[in-house]
């Protein structure tokens, strides 16, 4: 029997230009942007 396990992975990096465009378009952020910002703090692999 072969065992499978999940390998921990962090959130992928968002390109700086994409971040700049998104922040310019939505200065207060969107729900998705705010969730990712908050979850990135929690989902850090150590």
PDB file of N, CA and C in Angstrom:
ATOM      1  N   UNK A   1       0.848  -1.166   0.000  1.00  0.00           N
ATOM      2  CA  UNK A   1       0.000   0.000   0.000  1.00  0.00           C
ATOM      3  C   UNK A   1       0.902   1.240   0.000  1.00  0.00           C
ATOM      4  N   UNK A   2       0.572   2.168  -0.837  1.00  0.00           N
ATOM      5  CA  UNK A   2       1.350   3.398  -0.947  1.00  0.00           C
ATOM      6  C   UNK A   2       0.684   4.497  -0.124  1.00  0.00           C
ATOM      7  N   UNK A   3       1.464   5.177   0.681  1.00  0.00           N
ATOM      8  CA  UNK A   3       0.930   6.257   1.511  1.00  0.00           C
ATOM      9  C   UNK A   3       1.094   7.591   0.803  1.00  0.00           C
ATOM     10  N   UNK A   4       0.113   8.417   0.958  1.00  0.00           N
ATOM     11  CA  UNK A   4       0.180   9.761   0.385  1.00  0.00           C
ATOM     12  C   UNK A   4       0.081  10.762   1.525  1.00  0.00           C
ATOM     13  N   UNK A   5       0.828  11.822   1.397  1.00  0.00           N
ATOM     14  CA  UNK A   5       0.728  12.883   2.393  1.00  0.00           C
ATOM     15  C   UNK A   5       0.711  14.229   1.686  1.00  0.00           C
ATOM     16  N   UNK A   6       0.108  15.176   2.326  1.00  0.00           N
ATOM     17  CA  UNK A   6       0.068  16.521   1.768  1.00  0.00           C
ATOM     18  C   UNK A   6       1.367  17.233   2.085  1.00  0.00           C
ATOM     19  N   UNK A   7       1.923  17.868   1.095  1.00  0.00           N
ATOM     20  CA  UNK A   7       3.132  18.652   1.297  1.00  0.00           C
ATOM     21  C   UNK A   7       2.721  20.096   1.561  1.00  0.00           C
ATOM     22  N   UNK A   8       3.227  20.691   2.626  1.00  0.00           N
ATOM     23  CA  UNK A   8       2.842  22.074   2.928  1.00  0.00           C
ATOM     24  C   UNK A   8       3.327  23.033   1.847  1.00  0.00           C
ATOM     25  N   UNK A   9       2.464  23.937   1.477  1.00  0.00           N
ATOM     26  CA  UNK A   9       2.796  24.948   0.473  1.00  0.00           C
ATOM     27  C   UNK A   9       2.210  26.270   0.927  1.00  0.00           C
ATOM     28  N   UNK A  10       2.952  27.317   0.743  1.00  0.00           N
ATOM     29  CA  UNK A  10       2.449  28.643   1.048  1.00  0.00           C
ATOM     30  C   UNK A  10       1.654  29.179  -0.129  1.00  0.00           C
ATOM     31  N   UNK A  11       1.121  30.354   0.035  1.00  0.00           N
ATOM     32  CA  UNK A  11       0.416  30.994  -1.068  1.00  0.00           C
ATOM     33  C   UNK A  11       1.443  31.453  -2.098  1.00  0.00           C
ATOM     34  N   UNK A  12       1.146  31.293  -3.390  1.00  0.00           N
ATOM     35  CA  UNK A  12       2.106  31.735  -4.408  1.00  0.00           C
ATOM     36  C   UNK A  12       2.272  33.255  -4.378  1.00  0.00           C
ATOM     37  N   UNK A  13       3.457  33.700  -4.766  1.00  0.00           N
ATOM     38  CA  UNK A  13       3.764  35.133  -4.790  1.00  0.00           C
ATOM     39  C   UNK A  13       2.984  35.806  -5.924  1.00  0.00           C
ATOM     40  N   UNK A  14       2.434  36.975  -5.652  1.00  0.00           N
ATOM     41  CA  UNK A  14       1.730  37.753  -6.671  1.00  0.00           C
ATOM     42  C   UNK A  14       2.730  38.756  -7.237  1.00  0.00           C
ATOM     43  N   UNK A  15       2.841  38.848  -8.565  1.00  0.00           N
ATOM     44  CA  UNK A  15       3.786  39.791  -9.161  1.00  0.00           C
ATOM     45  C   UNK A  15       3.532  41.227  -8.681  1.00  0.00           C
ATOM     46  N   UNK A  16       4.608  41.967  -8.466  1.00  0.00           N
ATOM     47  CA  UNK A  16       4.522  43.329  -7.929  1.00  0.00           C
ATOM     48  C   UNK A  16       3.648  44.233  -8.800  1.00  0.00           C
ATOM     49  N   UNK A  17       3.748  44.096 -10.115  1.00  0.00           N
ATOM     50  CA  UNK A  17       2.950  44.941 -11.004  1.00  0.00           C
ATOM     51  C   UNK A  17       1.458  44.621 -10.853  1.00  0.00           C
ATOM     52  N   UNK A  18       1.119  43.376 -10.668  1.00  0.00           N
ATOM     53  CA  UNK A  18      -0.273  42.979 -10.454  1.00  0.00           C
ATOM     54  C   UNK A  18      -0.806  43.584  -9.166  1.00  0.00           C
ATOM     55  N   UNK A  19       0.001  43.546  -8.111  1.00  0.00           N
ATOM     56  CA  UNK A  19      -0.392  44.141  -6.832  1.00  0.00           C
ATOM     57  C   UNK A  19      -0.615  45.640  -6.997  1.00  0.00           C
ATOM     58  N   UNK A  20       0.297  46.313  -7.696  1.00  0.00           N
ATOM     59  CA  UNK A  20       0.186  47.762  -7.888  1.00  0.00           C
ATOM     60  C   UNK A  20      -1.084  48.125  -8.653  1.00  0.00           C
ATOM     61  N   UNK A  21      -1.393  47.380  -9.702  1.00  0.00           N
ATOM     62  CA  UNK A  21      -2.595  47.649 -10.499  1.00  0.00           C
ATOM     63  C   UNK A  21      -3.853  47.400  -9.664  1.00  0.00           C
ATOM     64  N   UNK A  22      -3.866  46.306  -8.919  1.00  0.00           N
ATOM     65  CA  UNK A  22      -5.039  45.987  -8.092  1.00  0.00           C
ATOM     66  C   UNK A  22      -5.252  47.047  -7.015  1.00  0.00           C
ATOM     67  N   UNK A  23      -4.168  47.495  -6.379  1.00  0.00           N
ATOM     68  CA  UNK A  23      -4.288  48.525  -5.332  1.00  0.00           C
ATOM     69  C   UNK A  23      -4.724  49.865  -5.930  1.00  0.00           C
ATOM     70  N   UNK A  24      -4.281  50.165  -7.145  1.00  0.00           N
ATOM     71  CA  UNK A  24      -4.699  51.408  -7.805  1.00  0.00           C
ATOM     72  C   UNK A  24      -6.182  51.348  -8.179  1.00  0.00           C
ATOM     73  N   UNK A  25      -6.623  50.184  -8.627  1.00  0.00           N
ATOM     74  CA  UNK A  25      -8.023  50.026  -9.036  1.00  0.00           C
ATOM     75  C   UNK A  25      -8.964  49.954  -7.835  1.00  0.00           C
ATOM     76  N   UNK A  26      -8.482  49.367  -6.747  1.00  0.00           N
ATOM     77  CA  UNK A  26      -9.307  49.181  -5.547  1.00  0.00           C
ATOM     78  C   UNK A  26      -8.513  49.622  -4.316  1.00  0.00           C
ATOM     79  N   UNK A  27      -8.407  50.933  -4.073  1.00  0.00           N
ATOM     80  CA  UNK A  27      -7.585  51.430  -2.958  1.00  0.00           C
ATOM     81  C   UNK A  27      -7.971  50.841  -1.597  1.00  0.00           C
ATOM     82  N   UNK A  28      -9.243  50.580  -1.391  1.00  0.00           N
ATOM     83  CA  UNK A  28      -9.685  49.991  -0.116  1.00  0.00           C
ATOM     84  C   UNK A  28      -9.622  48.470  -0.152  1.00  0.00           C
ATOM     85  N   UNK A  29      -9.290  47.913  -1.303  1.00  0.00           N
ATOM     86  CA  UNK A  29      -9.208  46.465  -1.455  1.00  0.00           C
ATOM     87  C   UNK A  29     -10.575  45.853  -1.697  1.00  0.00           C
ATOM     88  N   UNK A  30     -10.565  44.621  -2.127  1.00  0.00           N
ATOM     89  CA  UNK A  30     -11.794  43.850  -2.297  1.00  0.00           C
ATOM     90  C   UNK A  30     -11.824  42.791  -1.201  1.00  0.00           C
ATOM     91  N   UNK A  31     -12.927  42.107  -1.084  1.00  0.00           N
ATOM     92  CA  UNK A  31     -13.021  41.044  -0.091  1.00  0.00           C
ATOM     93  C   UNK A  31     -11.925  40.005  -0.329  1.00  0.00           C
ATOM     94  N   UNK A  32     -11.725  39.622  -1.580  1.00  0.00           N
ATOM     95  CA  UNK A  32     -10.701  38.619  -1.901  1.00  0.00           C
ATOM     96  C   UNK A  32      -9.303  39.111  -1.530  1.00  0.00           C
ATOM     97  N   UNK A  33      -9.021  40.375  -1.797  1.00  0.00           N
ATOM     98  CA  UNK A  33      -7.705  40.931  -1.463  1.00  0.00           C
ATOM     99  C   UNK A  33      -7.493  40.948   0.047  1.00  0.00           C
ATOM    100  N   UNK A  34      -8.506  41.354   0.774  1.00  0.00           N
ATOM    101  CA  UNK A  34      -8.382  41.414   2.237  1.00  0.00           C
ATOM    102  C   UNK A  34      -8.236  40.013   2.834  1.00  0.00           C
ATOM    103  N   UNK A  35      -8.988  39.047   2.300  1.00  0.00           N
ATOM    104  CA  UNK A  35      -8.876  37.666   2.785  1.00  0.00           C
ATOM    105  C   UNK A  35      -7.479  37.112   2.548  1.00  0.00           C
ATOM    106  N   UNK A  36      -6.953  37.337   1.363  1.00  0.00           N
ATOM    107  CA  UNK A  36      -5.608  36.837   1.065  1.00  0.00           C
ATOM    108  C   UNK A  36      -4.576  37.484   1.980  1.00  0.00           C
ATOM    109  N   UNK A  37      -4.698  38.784   2.196  1.00  0.00           N
ATOM    110  CA  UNK A  37      -3.764  39.473   3.089  1.00  0.00           C
ATOM    111  C   UNK A  37      -3.808  38.867   4.488  1.00  0.00           C
ATOM    112  N   UNK A  38      -5.004  38.606   4.987  1.00  0.00           N
ATOM    113  CA  UNK A  38      -5.152  38.036   6.339  1.00  0.00           C
ATOM    114  C   UNK A  38      -4.701  36.578   6.390  1.00  0.00           C
ATOM    115  N   UNK A  39      -5.083  35.799   5.380  1.00  0.00           N
ATOM    116  CA  UNK A  39      -4.729  34.384   5.383  1.00  0.00           C
ATOM    117  C   UNK A  39      -3.237  34.163   5.183  1.00  0.00           C
ATOM    118  N   UNK A  40      -2.586  35.054   4.467  1.00  0.00           N
ATOM    119  CA  UNK A  40      -1.144  34.922   4.259  1.00  0.00           C
ATOM    120  C   UNK A  40      -0.411  34.935   5.593  1.00  0.00           C
ATOM    121  N   UNK A  41      -0.922  35.683   6.555  1.00  0.00           N
ATOM    122  CA  UNK A  41      -0.309  35.734   7.882  1.00  0.00           C
ATOM    123  C   UNK A  41      -0.463  34.402   8.608  1.00  0.00           C
ATOM    124  N   UNK A  42      -1.571  33.729   8.372  1.00  0.00           N
ATOM    125  CA  UNK A  42      -1.882  32.488   9.079  1.00  0.00           C
ATOM    126  C   UNK A  42      -1.269  31.269   8.391  1.00  0.00           C
ATOM    127  N   UNK A  43      -1.214  31.293   7.076  1.00  0.00           N
ATOM    128  CA  UNK A  43      -0.790  30.123   6.303  1.00  0.00           C
ATOM    129  C   UNK A  43       0.700  30.119   5.974  1.00  0.00           C
ATOM    130  N   UNK A  44       1.522  30.559   6.881  1.00  0.00           N
ATOM    131  CA  UNK A  44       2.968  30.576   6.665  1.00  0.00           C
ATOM    132  C   UNK A  44       3.532  29.218   7.058  1.00  0.00           C
ATOM    133  N   UNK A  45       4.295  28.606   6.140  1.00  0.00           N
ATOM    134  CA  UNK A  45       4.945  27.329   6.453  1.00  0.00           C
ATOM    135  C   UNK A  45       6.199  27.592   7.264  1.00  0.00           C
ATOM    136  N   UNK A  46       6.368  26.806   8.302  1.00  0.00           N
ATOM    137  CA  UNK A  46       7.581  26.930   9.117  1.00  0.00           C
ATOM    138  C   UNK A  46       8.292  25.614   9.188  1.00  0.00           C
TER     139      UNK A  46
END
